[in-house]
Amino acid sequence: MRILYVGALNRSSNSHMIMQAMRELGHEVTAISINISDEEGDQVAQTSFFCKVRWKIGLPSDLAGVNLAVLKAVNQQKYDMLWVAKAQMLRPNTLLQAKQLQPSLKLVLYLSDDLMARHHQSYYLMKSINKYDIIFTANCFNSQPNELPRLGAKMVVTIDFSYDRNNHHPVKPTVQEKQQFGATVGFIGTFERDRAKHLLYLAKKGIPVRVWGTSWPSSWKTRNPNLKIEGRGLPVEDYVRALCSTEINLGFLRKANRDRHTCRSMEIPACGAFMLAERTDDHQRLFVEGKEAAFFDTRDELESKVRYYLAHPEECRQIGAAGRKRCLNSGYSFHDRLPVMLASAMGGG
């Protein structure tokens, strides 16, 4: 299949991993980045005042020239599918013109975030919902009749998050890497007040916690000596080293996203690492509790589970190994899910 792919292409993004998986599955993929990148392929932030204002009002700047690049590609080459990974700056008129140029072109939108949350929207994206032949979303609520279908979506399919088999696998960190990235209890993710309070609760109980991720206020760095806020994200190679160097990897849901599970829910077990995550119906469907992952509801249960598993490292190791086996056997990778998704897309609309 010949696919025109539009998304974030920085090396550690899930969008880039999906694109690579498509190629490894034998598809011919032409990729258009929605971001300006440096020579190493890392995203360059749009920090100008003008860009920030446009983003705030839902009219994001197209500094990478995505709209022109899509039309140029469709003018020059026949494609079976235009796959769009969110891309808030892609305009509805661009999709209409692409479809006019190639009437058989399947328009596919992939969403990993809750599109009903204002901070994930743009004027262009919301006006484009009814242009896509099929929308894949990792948010189970978005497929309900009063959400994306109400906005004109033709077909909405809920798809679980996935892991990347090329990146998310067990590694054996060196002693130096364990010191550099490891933790007794660790969390990798952006700041959200509820999860931050859970982490602070553990720290106040004398449990050392290490946090990687962006958007953590500087004031949180001095809240408690047991709470170590690194204040930065990790490239995928170091991300995996951190997971495999940490005794207990916490999995918090983002309440603003109405998460029932997240990409971490797949990536932590796929790395053979031990995961202690918030208990949800999704988590219990994806992993057998107490055998392939561990879950909690309350702060008291979180503390109790942390203390128990820190005292039983061999059980943690066994659960981590079983979690990875579940990922492999149940087909949770991009490579496993994409053939089904692509077949659905070609048959939809």
C-alpha atoms as a PDB file:
ATOM      1  CA  MET A   1       0.000   0.000   0.000  1.00  0.00           C
ATOM      2  CA  ARG A   2       1.198   3.531  -0.743  1.00  0.00           C
ATOM      3  CA  ILE A   3       0.630   5.817   2.241  1.00  0.00           C
ATOM      4  CA  LEU A   4       1.087   9.568   2.641  1.00  0.00           C
ATOM      5  CA  TYR A   5       1.836  10.016   6.344  1.00  0.00           C
ATOM      6  CA  VAL A   6       1.443  13.302   8.238  1.00  0.00           C
ATOM      7  CA  GLY A   7       2.559  13.560  11.860  1.00  0.00           C
ATOM      8  CA  ALA A   8       5.274  14.371  14.373  1.00  0.00           C
ATOM      9  CA  LEU A   9       8.456  12.656  13.224  1.00  0.00           C
ATOM     10  CA  ASN A  10      10.847  13.326  16.087  1.00  0.00           C
ATOM     11  CA  ARG A  11      12.558  10.046  16.915  1.00  0.00           C
ATOM     12  CA  SER A  12      10.935   9.377  20.282  1.00  0.00           C
ATOM     13  CA  SER A  13       7.355  10.103  19.222  1.00  0.00           C
ATOM     14  CA  ASN A  14       4.767   7.361  18.842  1.00  0.00           C
ATOM     15  CA  SER A  15       3.872   8.924  15.513  1.00  0.00           C
ATOM     16  CA  HIS A  16       7.379   8.235  14.214  1.00  0.00           C
ATOM     17  CA  MET A  17       7.221   4.672  15.544  1.00  0.00           C
ATOM     18  CA  ILE A  18       3.915   4.044  13.755  1.00  0.00           C
ATOM     19  CA  MET A  19       5.371   5.367  10.509  1.00  0.00           C
ATOM     20  CA  GLN A  20       8.411   3.092  10.838  1.00  0.00           C
ATOM     21  CA  ALA A  21       6.198   0.103  11.614  1.00  0.00           C
ATOM     22  CA  MET A  22       4.200   0.760   8.443  1.00  0.00           C
ATOM     23  CA  ARG A  23       7.397   0.658   6.417  1.00  0.00           C
ATOM     24  CA  GLU A  24       8.554  -2.537   8.101  1.00  0.00           C
ATOM     25  CA  LEU A  25       5.191  -4.108   7.277  1.00  0.00           C
ATOM     26  CA  GLY A  26       6.015  -3.534   3.619  1.00  0.00           C
ATOM     27  CA  HIS A  27       4.103  -0.355   2.860  1.00  0.00           C
ATOM     28  CA  GLU A  28       5.544   2.497   0.816  1.00  0.00           C
ATOM     29  CA  VAL A  29       5.331   5.512   3.110  1.00  0.00           C
ATOM     30  CA  THR A  30       5.987   9.146   2.234  1.00  0.00           C
ATOM     31  CA  ALA A  31       6.308  11.111   5.481  1.00  0.00           C
ATOM     32  CA  ILE A  32       5.525  14.778   6.073  1.00  0.00           C
ATOM     33  CA  SER A  33       6.561  16.232   9.431  1.00  0.00           C
ATOM     34  CA  ILE A  34       4.229  18.652  11.178  1.00  0.00           C
ATOM     35  CA  ASN A  35       7.191  20.158  13.038  1.00  0.00           C
ATOM     36  CA  ILE A  36      10.394  21.931  12.116  1.00  0.00           C
ATOM     37  CA  SER A  37      13.301  19.678  13.131  1.00  0.00           C
ATOM     38  CA  ASP A  38      17.006  20.199  13.729  1.00  0.00           C
ATOM     39  CA  GLU A  39      19.810  18.259  12.034  1.00  0.00           C
ATOM     40  CA  GLU A  40      19.441  15.387  14.531  1.00  0.00           C
ATOM     41  CA  GLY A  41      15.738  15.100  13.768  1.00  0.00           C
ATOM     42  CA  ASP A  42      14.583  16.574  17.075  1.00  0.00           C
ATOM     43  CA  GLN A  43      11.607  18.925  17.146  1.00  0.00           C
ATOM     44  CA  VAL A  44      12.309  22.649  17.310  1.00  0.00           C
ATOM     45  CA  ALA A  45       9.751  24.359  19.531  1.00  0.00           C
ATOM     46  CA  GLN A  46       7.622  27.174  18.128  1.00  0.00           C
ATOM     47  CA  THR A  47       8.330  29.747  20.816  1.00  0.00           C
ATOM     48  CA  SER A  48       7.527  33.063  19.135  1.00  0.00           C
ATOM     49  CA  PHE A  49       4.781  35.191  20.651  1.00  0.00           C
ATOM     50  CA  PHE A  50       2.843  35.079  17.372  1.00  0.00           C
ATOM     51  CA  CYS A  51       2.912  31.257  17.302  1.00  0.00           C
ATOM     52  CA  LYS A  52       1.827  31.010  20.922  1.00  0.00           C
ATOM     53  CA  VAL A  53      -1.105  33.357  20.354  1.00  0.00           C
ATOM     54  CA  ARG A  54      -2.236  31.456  17.272  1.00  0.00           C
ATOM     55  CA  TRP A  55      -2.020  28.167  19.162  1.00  0.00           C
ATOM     56  CA  LYS A  56      -3.998  29.620  22.067  1.00  0.00           C
ATOM     57  CA  ILE A  57      -6.887  30.720  19.851  1.00  0.00           C
ATOM     58  CA  GLY A  58      -6.988  27.408  17.982  1.00  0.00           C
ATOM     59  CA  LEU A  59      -5.393  28.572  14.731  1.00  0.00           C
ATOM     60  CA  PRO A  60      -1.912  26.995  14.907  1.00  0.00           C
ATOM     61  CA  SER A  61       0.753  28.242  12.524  1.00  0.00           C
ATOM     62  CA  ASP A  62       1.872  25.908   9.768  1.00  0.00           C
ATOM     63  CA  LEU A  63       5.567  26.772   9.915  1.00  0.00           C
ATOM     64  CA  ALA A  64       6.566  23.399   8.472  1.00  0.00           C
ATOM     65  CA  GLY A  65       4.373  23.979   5.397  1.00  0.00           C
ATOM     66  CA  VAL A  66       2.304  20.849   5.948  1.00  0.00           C
ATOM     67  CA  ASN A  67      -0.708  21.924   3.883  1.00  0.00           C
ATOM     68  CA  LEU A  68       1.369  22.771   0.820  1.00  0.00           C
ATOM     69  CA  ALA A  69       3.436  19.603   1.227  1.00  0.00           C
ATOM     70  CA  VAL A  70       0.325  17.412   1.272  1.00  0.00           C
ATOM     71  CA  LEU A  71      -1.108  18.962  -1.889  1.00  0.00           C
ATOM     72  CA  LYS A  72       2.257  18.802  -3.636  1.00  0.00           C
ATOM     73  CA  ALA A  73       2.614  15.116  -2.784  1.00  0.00           C
ATOM     74  CA  VAL A  74      -0.910  14.271  -3.937  1.00  0.00           C
ATOM     75  CA  ASN A  75      -0.298  16.163  -7.189  1.00  0.00           C
ATOM     76  CA  GLN A  76       2.877  14.203  -7.888  1.00  0.00           C
ATOM     77  CA  GLN A  77       2.034  10.673  -6.758  1.00  0.00           C
ATOM     78  CA  LYS A  78      -0.911   8.309  -6.503  1.00  0.00           C
ATOM     79  CA  TYR A  79      -1.633   7.227  -2.906  1.00  0.00           C
ATOM     80  CA  ASP A  80      -4.010   4.714  -1.369  1.00  0.00           C
ATOM     81  CA  MET A  81      -4.241   6.504   1.946  1.00  0.00           C
ATOM     82  CA  LEU A  82      -3.557   9.799   3.698  1.00  0.00           C
ATOM     83  CA  TRP A  83      -2.838   8.957   7.342  1.00  0.00           C
ATOM     84  CA  VAL A  84      -2.940  11.967   9.674  1.00  0.00           C
ATOM     85  CA  ALA A  85      -1.645  11.744  13.245  1.00  0.00           C
ATOM     86  CA  LYS A  86      -3.594  14.611  14.825  1.00  0.00           C
ATOM     87  CA  ALA A  87      -1.872  17.504  12.934  1.00  0.00           C
ATOM     88  CA  GLN A  88      -3.878  20.461  14.270  1.00  0.00           C
ATOM     89  CA  MET A  89      -2.602  22.762  11.514  1.00  0.00           C
ATOM     90  CA  LEU A  90      -3.905  20.626   8.639  1.00  0.00           C
ATOM     91  CA  ARG A  91      -6.823  22.519   7.150  1.00  0.00           C
ATOM     92  CA  PRO A  92     -10.142  21.038   6.006  1.00  0.00           C
ATOM     93  CA  ASN A  93      -9.750  22.641   2.590  1.00  0.00           C
ATOM     94  CA  THR A  94      -6.466  20.748   2.147  1.00  0.00           C
ATOM     95  CA  LEU A  95      -8.293  17.476   2.758  1.00  0.00           C
ATOM     96  CA  LEU A  96     -11.045  18.456   0.315  1.00  0.00           C
ATOM     97  CA  GLN A  97      -8.521  19.334  -2.391  1.00  0.00           C
ATOM     98  CA  ALA A  98      -6.605  16.102  -1.809  1.00  0.00           C
ATOM     99  CA  LYS A  99      -9.826  14.127  -2.204  1.00  0.00           C
ATOM    100  CA  GLN A 100     -10.726  16.034  -5.363  1.00  0.00           C
ATOM    101  CA  LEU A 101      -7.330  15.273  -6.854  1.00  0.00           C
ATOM    102  CA  GLN A 102      -7.561  11.602  -5.862  1.00  0.00           C
ATOM    103  CA  PRO A 103     -11.201  10.547  -5.232  1.00  0.00           C
ATOM    104  CA  SER A 104     -10.168   7.027  -4.163  1.00  0.00           C
ATOM    105  CA  LEU A 105      -7.770   8.356  -1.505  1.00  0.00           C
ATOM    106  CA  LYS A 106      -8.748   7.155   1.975  1.00  0.00           C
ATOM    107  CA  LEU A 107      -8.515   9.901   4.588  1.00  0.00           C
ATOM    108  CA  VAL A 108      -7.561   8.508   8.009  1.00  0.00           C
ATOM    109  CA  LEU A 109      -7.187  10.369  11.306  1.00  0.00           C
ATOM    110  CA  TYR A 110      -5.362   8.788  14.263  1.00  0.00           C
ATOM    111  CA  LEU A 111      -5.922  10.322  17.704  1.00  0.00           C
ATOM    112  CA  SER A 112      -4.081   9.348  20.869  1.00  0.00           C
ATOM    113  CA  ASP A 113      -5.638  12.131  22.964  1.00  0.00           C
ATOM    114  CA  ASP A 114      -9.137  13.067  24.086  1.00  0.00           C
ATOM    115  CA  LEU A 115     -10.342  15.389  21.337  1.00  0.00           C
ATOM    116  CA  MET A 116     -13.135  16.719  23.528  1.00  0.00           C
ATOM    117  CA  ALA A 117     -10.486  18.346  25.740  1.00  0.00           C
ATOM    118  CA  ARG A 118     -10.051  21.938  24.580  1.00  0.00           C
ATOM    119  CA  HIS A 119      -6.239  21.862  24.744  1.00  0.00           C
ATOM    120  CA  HIS A 120      -6.135  19.076  22.138  1.00  0.00           C
ATOM    121  CA  GLN A 121      -8.354  20.902  19.661  1.00  0.00           C
ATOM    122  CA  SER A 122      -7.814  23.439  16.927  1.00  0.00           C
ATOM    123  CA  TYR A 123     -10.308  25.194  14.690  1.00  0.00           C
ATOM    124  CA  TYR A 124      -8.858  23.384  11.662  1.00  0.00           C
ATOM    125  CA  LEU A 125      -8.970  19.959  13.279  1.00  0.00           C
ATOM    126  CA  MET A 126     -12.531  20.254  14.531  1.00  0.00           C
ATOM    127  CA  LYS A 127     -13.733  21.490  11.124  1.00  0.00           C
ATOM    128  CA  SER A 128     -12.019  18.489   9.503  1.00  0.00           C
ATOM    129  CA  ILE A 129     -13.726  15.754  11.521  1.00  0.00           C
ATOM    130  CA  ASN A 130     -16.396  15.141   8.880  1.00  0.00           C
ATOM    131  CA  LYS A 131     -13.831  14.968   6.073  1.00  0.00           C
ATOM    132  CA  TYR A 132     -12.145  11.753   7.231  1.00  0.00           C
ATOM    133  CA  ASP A 133     -13.328   8.365   6.038  1.00  0.00           C
ATOM    134  CA  ILE A 134     -12.372   6.800   9.361  1.00  0.00           C
ATOM    135  CA  ILE A 135     -11.060   8.032  12.715  1.00  0.00           C
ATOM    136  CA  PHE A 136      -9.086   5.813  15.072  1.00  0.00           C
ATOM    137  CA  THR A 137      -9.057   7.005  18.664  1.00  0.00           C
ATOM    138  CA  ALA A 138      -7.445   5.651  21.812  1.00  0.00           C
ATOM    139  CA  ASN A 139     -10.111   7.397  23.892  1.00  0.00           C
ATOM    140  CA  CYS A 140     -13.172   5.196  24.363  1.00  0.00           C
ATOM    141  CA  PHE A 141     -15.428   8.175  25.105  1.00  0.00           C
ATOM    142  CA  ASN A 142     -14.731   9.900  21.763  1.00  0.00           C
ATOM    143  CA  SER A 143     -16.493   7.134  19.828  1.00  0.00           C
ATOM    144  CA  GLN A 144     -19.749   7.593  21.734  1.00  0.00           C
ATOM    145  CA  PRO A 145     -22.654   9.075  19.714  1.00  0.00           C
ATOM    146  CA  ASN A 146     -22.584  12.446  21.499  1.00  0.00           C
ATOM    147  CA  GLU A 147     -18.895  13.088  20.791  1.00  0.00           C
ATOM    148  CA  LEU A 148     -17.062  12.627  17.450  1.00  0.00           C
ATOM    149  CA  PRO A 149     -20.115  11.179  15.628  1.00  0.00           C
ATOM    150  CA  ARG A 150     -22.096  14.258  16.690  1.00  0.00           C
ATOM    151  CA  LEU A 151     -19.433  16.392  14.998  1.00  0.00           C
ATOM    152  CA  GLY A 152     -19.981  14.559  11.726  1.00  0.00           C
ATOM    153  CA  ALA A 153     -17.452  11.732  11.943  1.00  0.00           C
ATOM    154  CA  LYS A 154     -18.321   9.053   9.379  1.00  0.00           C
ATOM    155  CA  MET A 155     -16.732   6.137  11.221  1.00  0.00           C
ATOM    156  CA  VAL A 156     -15.008   6.093  14.621  1.00  0.00           C
ATOM    157  CA  VAL A 157     -13.057   3.070  15.840  1.00  0.00           C
ATOM    158  CA  THR A 158     -11.644   2.817  19.363  1.00  0.00           C
ATOM    159  CA  ILE A 159      -8.191   1.245  19.376  1.00  0.00           C
ATOM    160  CA  ASP A 160      -6.059   0.466  22.424  1.00  0.00           C
ATOM    161  CA  PHE A 161      -2.676   2.101  22.873  1.00  0.00           C
ATOM    162  CA  SER A 162       0.285   0.113  21.586  1.00  0.00           C
ATOM    163  CA  TYR A 163       4.007  -0.338  22.109  1.00  0.00           C
ATOM    164  CA  ASP A 164       6.814  -0.338  19.566  1.00  0.00           C
ATOM    165  CA  ARG A 165       8.635  -3.651  19.284  1.00  0.00           C
ATOM    166  CA  ASN A 166      11.804  -1.943  18.018  1.00  0.00           C
ATOM    167  CA  ASN A 167      12.130   0.302  21.060  1.00  0.00           C
ATOM    168  CA  HIS A 168      10.040  -1.077  23.904  1.00  0.00           C
ATOM    169  CA  HIS A 169      11.763  -4.285  24.943  1.00  0.00           C
ATOM    170  CA  PRO A 170      13.833  -5.428  27.941  1.00  0.00           C
ATOM    171  CA  VAL A 171      17.365  -4.063  28.241  1.00  0.00           C
ATOM    172  CA  LYS A 172      20.036  -4.790  30.835  1.00  0.00           C
ATOM    173  CA  PRO A 173      21.252  -1.421  32.133  1.00  0.00           C
ATOM    174  CA  THR A 174      24.828  -1.021  33.277  1.00  0.00           C
ATOM    175  CA  VAL A 175      25.615  -0.027  36.854  1.00  0.00           C
ATOM    176  CA  GLN A 176      26.210   3.516  35.625  1.00  0.00           C
ATOM    177  CA  GLU A 177      22.890   3.588  33.735  1.00  0.00           C
ATOM    178  CA  LYS A 178      21.030   2.349  36.811  1.00  0.00           C
ATOM    179  CA  GLN A 179      22.494   5.215  38.805  1.00  0.00           C
ATOM    180  CA  GLN A 180      21.760   7.689  36.023  1.00  0.00           C
ATOM    181  CA  PHE A 181      18.165   6.666  35.290  1.00  0.00           C
ATOM    182  CA  GLY A 182      16.973   4.206  37.921  1.00  0.00           C
ATOM    183  CA  ALA A 183      14.785   4.595  40.981  1.00  0.00           C
ATOM    184  CA  THR A 184      13.189   2.712  43.814  1.00  0.00           C
ATOM    185  CA  VAL A 185       9.821   4.074  42.711  1.00  0.00           C
ATOM    186  CA  GLY A 186       9.637   5.955  39.436  1.00  0.00           C
ATOM    187  CA  PHE A 187       7.158   7.843  37.317  1.00  0.00           C
ATOM    188  CA  ILE A 188       7.630   9.149  33.780  1.00  0.00           C
ATOM    189  CA  GLY A 189       5.105  11.695  32.569  1.00  0.00           C
ATOM    190  CA  THR A 190       3.982  15.301  32.511  1.00  0.00           C
ATOM    191  CA  PHE A 191       2.727  17.229  35.512  1.00  0.00           C
ATOM    192  CA  GLU A 192      -0.858  16.899  36.644  1.00  0.00           C
ATOM    193  CA  ARG A 193      -1.861  17.907  40.152  1.00  0.00           C
ATOM    194  CA  ASP A 194      -3.592  14.669  41.130  1.00  0.00           C
ATOM    195  CA  ARG A 195      -0.652  12.443  40.207  1.00  0.00           C
ATOM    196  CA  ALA A 196       1.760  14.903  41.803  1.00  0.00           C
ATOM    197  CA  LYS A 197      -0.155  14.679  45.090  1.00  0.00           C
ATOM    198  CA  HIS A 198       0.044  10.877  44.987  1.00  0.00           C
ATOM    199  CA  LEU A 199       3.806  11.046  44.497  1.00  0.00           C
ATOM    200  CA  LEU A 200       4.216  13.584  47.281  1.00  0.00           C
ATOM    201  CA  TYR A 201       2.144  11.352  49.558  1.00  0.00           C
ATOM    202  CA  LEU A 202       4.598   8.484  49.008  1.00  0.00           C
ATOM    203  CA  ALA A 203       7.569  10.779  49.564  1.00  0.00           C
ATOM    204  CA  LYS A 204       6.127  12.010  52.860  1.00  0.00           C
ATOM    205  CA  LYS A 205       5.766   8.383  53.904  1.00  0.00           C
ATOM    206  CA  GLY A 206       9.520   7.964  53.483  1.00  0.00           C
ATOM    207  CA  ILE A 207       9.455   6.268  50.073  1.00  0.00           C
ATOM    208  CA  PRO A 208      11.998   7.645  47.552  1.00  0.00           C
ATOM    209  CA  VAL A 209      10.340   8.647  44.276  1.00  0.00           C
ATOM    210  CA  ARG A 210      12.028   9.815  41.076  1.00  0.00           C
ATOM    211  CA  VAL A 211      10.101  11.653  38.371  1.00  0.00           C
ATOM    212  CA  TRP A 212      11.004  12.249  34.724  1.00  0.00           C
ATOM    213  CA  GLY A 213       8.902  14.411  32.446  1.00  0.00           C
ATOM    214  CA  THR A 214       8.150  17.951  31.357  1.00  0.00           C
ATOM    215  CA  SER A 215       5.875  20.723  32.664  1.00  0.00           C
ATOM    216  CA  TRP A 216       6.646  20.104  36.342  1.00  0.00           C
ATOM    217  CA  PRO A 217       6.601  23.451  38.214  1.00  0.00           C
ATOM    218  CA  SER A 218       9.948  24.330  39.738  1.00  0.00           C
ATOM    219  CA  SER A 219       8.263  24.659  43.143  1.00  0.00           C
ATOM    220  CA  TRP A 220       7.722  20.907  43.195  1.00  0.00           C
ATOM    221  CA  LYS A 221      11.461  20.256  43.168  1.00  0.00           C
ATOM    222  CA  THR A 222      11.711  21.300  46.809  1.00  0.00           C
ATOM    223  CA  ARG A 223       8.480  19.826  48.190  1.00  0.00           C
ATOM    224  CA  ASN A 224      10.141  16.845  49.891  1.00  0.00           C
ATOM    225  CA  PRO A 225      13.676  15.412  49.953  1.00  0.00           C
ATOM    226  CA  ASN A 226      12.298  11.983  48.985  1.00  0.00           C
ATOM    227  CA  LEU A 227      10.675  13.409  45.837  1.00  0.00           C
ATOM    228  CA  LYS A 228      13.226  13.962  43.079  1.00  0.00           C
ATOM    229  CA  ILE A 229      11.823  15.904  40.119  1.00  0.00           C
ATOM    230  CA  GLU A 230      14.243  15.734  37.186  1.00  0.00           C
ATOM    231  CA  GLY A 231      12.279  18.301  35.188  1.00  0.00           C
ATOM    232  CA  ARG A 232      12.940  16.885  31.734  1.00  0.00           C
ATOM    233  CA  GLY A 233      11.787  14.166  29.426  1.00  0.00           C
ATOM    234  CA  LEU A 234      13.866  11.286  28.116  1.00  0.00           C
ATOM    235  CA  PRO A 235      14.670  10.173  24.568  1.00  0.00           C
ATOM    236  CA  VAL A 236      13.260   6.727  23.901  1.00  0.00           C
ATOM    237  CA  GLU A 237      16.535   4.856  24.506  1.00  0.00           C
ATOM    238  CA  ASP A 238      16.963   6.435  27.940  1.00  0.00           C
ATOM    239  CA  TYR A 239      13.248   6.085  28.642  1.00  0.00           C
ATOM    240  CA  VAL A 240      13.574   2.316  28.267  1.00  0.00           C
ATOM    241  CA  ARG A 241      16.727   2.293  30.408  1.00  0.00           C
ATOM    242  CA  ALA A 242      14.844   4.173  33.112  1.00  0.00           C
ATOM    243  CA  LEU A 243      11.949   1.696  33.081  1.00  0.00           C
ATOM    244  CA  CYS A 244      14.308  -1.273  33.266  1.00  0.00           C
ATOM    245  CA  SER A 245      16.364   0.362  36.053  1.00  0.00           C
ATOM    246  CA  THR A 246      13.372   1.106  38.285  1.00  0.00           C
ATOM    247  CA  GLU A 247      11.972  -1.309  40.856  1.00  0.00           C
ATOM    248  CA  ILE A 248       8.383  -0.039  40.661  1.00  0.00           C
ATOM    249  CA  ASN A 249       7.120   1.947  37.657  1.00  0.00           C
ATOM    250  CA  LEU A 250       3.963   3.880  38.467  1.00  0.00           C
ATOM    251  CA  GLY A 251       1.226   4.302  35.884  1.00  0.00           C
ATOM    252  CA  PHE A 252      -1.016   7.315  36.414  1.00  0.00           C
ATOM    253  CA  LEU A 253      -3.952   8.274  34.224  1.00  0.00           C
ATOM    254  CA  ARG A 254      -4.370  11.812  32.985  1.00  0.00           C
ATOM    255  CA  LYS A 255      -7.716  12.962  34.330  1.00  0.00           C
ATOM    256  CA  ALA A 256      -7.937  15.861  31.856  1.00  0.00           C
ATOM    257  CA  ASN A 257      -7.719  13.242  29.096  1.00  0.00           C
ATOM    258  CA  ARG A 258     -10.328  10.916  30.657  1.00  0.00           C
ATOM    259  CA  ASP A 259      -7.766   8.121  30.318  1.00  0.00           C
ATOM    260  CA  ARG A 260      -8.680   4.509  31.053  1.00  0.00           C
ATOM    261  CA  HIS A 261      -5.198   3.399  30.044  1.00  0.00           C
ATOM    262  CA  THR A 262      -2.226   5.167  28.411  1.00  0.00           C
ATOM    263  CA  CYS A 263       0.732   4.445  26.169  1.00  0.00           C
ATOM    264  CA  ARG A 264       2.738   3.769  29.360  1.00  0.00           C
ATOM    265  CA  SER A 265       0.263   0.984  30.144  1.00  0.00           C
ATOM    266  CA  MET A 266       1.698  -0.905  27.182  1.00  0.00           C
ATOM    267  CA  GLU A 267       5.282   0.317  27.146  1.00  0.00           C
ATOM    268  CA  ILE A 268       6.171  -0.547  30.753  1.00  0.00           C
ATOM    269  CA  PRO A 269       5.113  -4.222  30.549  1.00  0.00           C
ATOM    270  CA  ALA A 270       6.531  -4.506  27.011  1.00  0.00           C
ATOM    271  CA  CYS A 271       9.924  -3.646  28.488  1.00  0.00           C
ATOM    272  CA  GLY A 272       9.535  -6.462  31.010  1.00  0.00           C
ATOM    273  CA  ALA A 273       9.376  -3.861  33.778  1.00  0.00           C
ATOM    274  CA  PHE A 274       7.070  -3.997  36.777  1.00  0.00           C
ATOM    275  CA  MET A 275       4.020  -1.704  36.549  1.00  0.00           C
ATOM    276  CA  LEU A 276       1.819  -0.493  39.393  1.00  0.00           C
ATOM    277  CA  ALA A 277      -0.988   1.503  37.780  1.00  0.00           C
ATOM    278  CA  GLU A 278      -4.369   2.970  38.608  1.00  0.00           C
ATOM    279  CA  ARG A 279      -7.065   0.298  38.551  1.00  0.00           C
ATOM    280  CA  THR A 280      -9.494   0.651  35.621  1.00  0.00           C
ATOM    281  CA  ASP A 281     -11.638  -1.685  33.561  1.00  0.00           C
ATOM    282  CA  ASP A 282      -9.194  -1.215  30.667  1.00  0.00           C
ATOM    283  CA  HIS A 283      -6.156  -2.122  32.751  1.00  0.00           C
ATOM    284  CA  GLN A 284      -7.893  -5.207  34.119  1.00  0.00           C
ATOM    285  CA  ARG A 285      -8.896  -6.244  30.599  1.00  0.00           C
ATOM    286  CA  LEU A 286      -5.382  -5.820  29.239  1.00  0.00           C
ATOM    287  CA  PHE A 287      -3.423  -7.412  32.108  1.00  0.00           C
ATOM    288  CA  VAL A 288      -4.267  -9.983  34.784  1.00  0.00           C
ATOM    289  CA  GLU A 289      -4.070  -8.203  38.127  1.00  0.00           C
ATOM    290  CA  GLY A 290      -1.368  -9.517  40.424  1.00  0.00           C
ATOM    291  CA  LYS A 291       0.146 -11.683  37.689  1.00  0.00           C
ATOM    292  CA  GLU A 292       0.917  -9.403  34.718  1.00  0.00           C
ATOM    293  CA  ALA A 293       0.676  -6.001  36.438  1.00  0.00           C
ATOM    294  CA  ALA A 294      -0.460  -4.547  39.750  1.00  0.00           C
ATOM    295  CA  PHE A 295      -3.149  -1.923  40.320  1.00  0.00           C
ATOM    296  CA  PHE A 296      -4.410   0.459  42.999  1.00  0.00           C
ATOM    297  CA  ASP A 297      -7.397   2.701  43.717  1.00  0.00           C
ATOM    298  CA  THR A 298      -6.564   4.830  46.745  1.00  0.00           C
ATOM    299  CA  ARG A 299      -3.431   6.452  48.135  1.00  0.00           C
ATOM    300  CA  ASP A 300      -3.487   4.011  51.031  1.00  0.00           C
ATOM    301  CA  GLU A 301      -3.604   1.070  48.633  1.00  0.00           C
ATOM    302  CA  LEU A 302      -0.837   2.658  46.565  1.00  0.00           C
ATOM    303  CA  GLU A 303       1.404   2.915  49.612  1.00  0.00           C
ATOM    304  CA  SER A 304       0.531  -0.602  50.729  1.00  0.00           C
ATOM    305  CA  LYS A 305       1.286  -2.080  47.290  1.00  0.00           C
ATOM    306  CA  VAL A 306       4.551  -0.144  46.995  1.00  0.00           C
ATOM    307  CA  ARG A 307       5.765  -1.416  50.362  1.00  0.00           C
ATOM    308  CA  TYR A 308       4.692  -4.972  49.568  1.00  0.00           C
ATOM    309  CA  TYR A 309       6.388  -5.156  46.181  1.00  0.00           C
ATOM    310  CA  LEU A 310       9.571  -3.461  47.392  1.00  0.00           C
ATOM    311  CA  ALA A 311       9.781  -6.294  49.918  1.00  0.00           C
ATOM    312  CA  HIS A 312       9.164  -8.911  47.186  1.00  0.00           C
ATOM    313  CA  PRO A 313      11.534  -8.085  44.289  1.00  0.00           C
ATOM    314  CA  GLU A 314      11.362 -11.590  42.802  1.00  0.00           C
ATOM    315  CA  GLU A 315       7.587 -11.311  42.498  1.00  0.00           C
ATOM    316  CA  CYS A 316       8.090  -7.976  40.728  1.00  0.00           C
ATOM    317  CA  ARG A 317      10.474  -9.629  38.289  1.00  0.00           C
ATOM    318  CA  GLN A 318       7.995 -12.435  37.583  1.00  0.00           C
ATOM    319  CA  ILE A 319       5.119 -10.014  37.046  1.00  0.00           C
ATOM    320  CA  GLY A 320       7.257  -7.881  34.731  1.00  0.00           C
ATOM    321  CA  ALA A 321       8.177 -10.935  32.654  1.00  0.00           C
ATOM    322  CA  ALA A 322       4.548 -12.082  32.529  1.00  0.00           C
ATOM    323  CA  GLY A 323       3.445  -8.601  31.481  1.00  0.00           C
ATOM    324  CA  ARG A 324       5.839  -8.683  28.549  1.00  0.00           C
ATOM    325  CA  LYS A 325       4.629 -12.145  27.583  1.00  0.00           C
ATOM    326  CA  ARG A 326       1.050 -10.847  27.595  1.00  0.00           C
ATOM    327  CA  CYS A 327       2.050  -7.967  25.299  1.00  0.00           C
ATOM    328  CA  LEU A 328       3.621 -10.415  22.854  1.00  0.00           C
ATOM    329  CA  ASN A 329       0.887 -13.053  22.969  1.00  0.00           C
ATOM    330  CA  SER A 330      -2.029 -10.614  22.795  1.00  0.00           C
ATOM    331  CA  GLY A 331      -0.588  -8.565  19.938  1.00  0.00           C
ATOM    332  CA  TYR A 332      -0.310  -5.188  21.635  1.00  0.00           C
ATOM    333  CA  SER A 333       2.421  -3.800  19.342  1.00  0.00           C
ATOM    334  CA  PHE A 334       2.005  -1.322  16.480  1.00  0.00           C
ATOM    335  CA  HIS A 335       3.201  -4.079  14.142  1.00  0.00           C
ATOM    336  CA  ASP A 336       0.336  -6.297  15.342  1.00  0.00           C
ATOM    337  CA  ARG A 337      -2.411  -3.676  15.347  1.00  0.00           C
ATOM    338  CA  LEU A 338      -1.634  -1.797  12.134  1.00  0.00           C
ATOM    339  CA  PRO A 339      -2.619  -4.541   9.655  1.00  0.00           C
ATOM    340  CA  VAL A 340      -6.112  -4.632  11.169  1.00  0.00           C
ATOM    341  CA  MET A 341      -6.350  -0.838  11.256  1.00  0.00           C
ATOM    342  CA  LEU A 342      -5.187  -0.410   7.670  1.00  0.00           C
ATOM    343  CA  ALA A 343      -7.586  -3.082   6.442  1.00  0.00           C
ATOM    344  CA  SER A 344     -10.452  -1.365   8.278  1.00  0.00           C
ATOM    345  CA  ALA A 345      -9.465   1.981   6.782  1.00  0.00           C
ATOM    346  CA  MET A 346      -9.420   0.662   3.239  1.00  0.00           C
ATOM    347  CA  GLY A 347     -12.819  -0.911   3.737  1.00  0.00           C
ATOM    348  CA  GLY A 348     -14.337   2.065   5.547  1.00  0.00           C
ATOM    349  CA  GLY A 349     -15.876   5.168   4.073  1.00  0.00           C
END
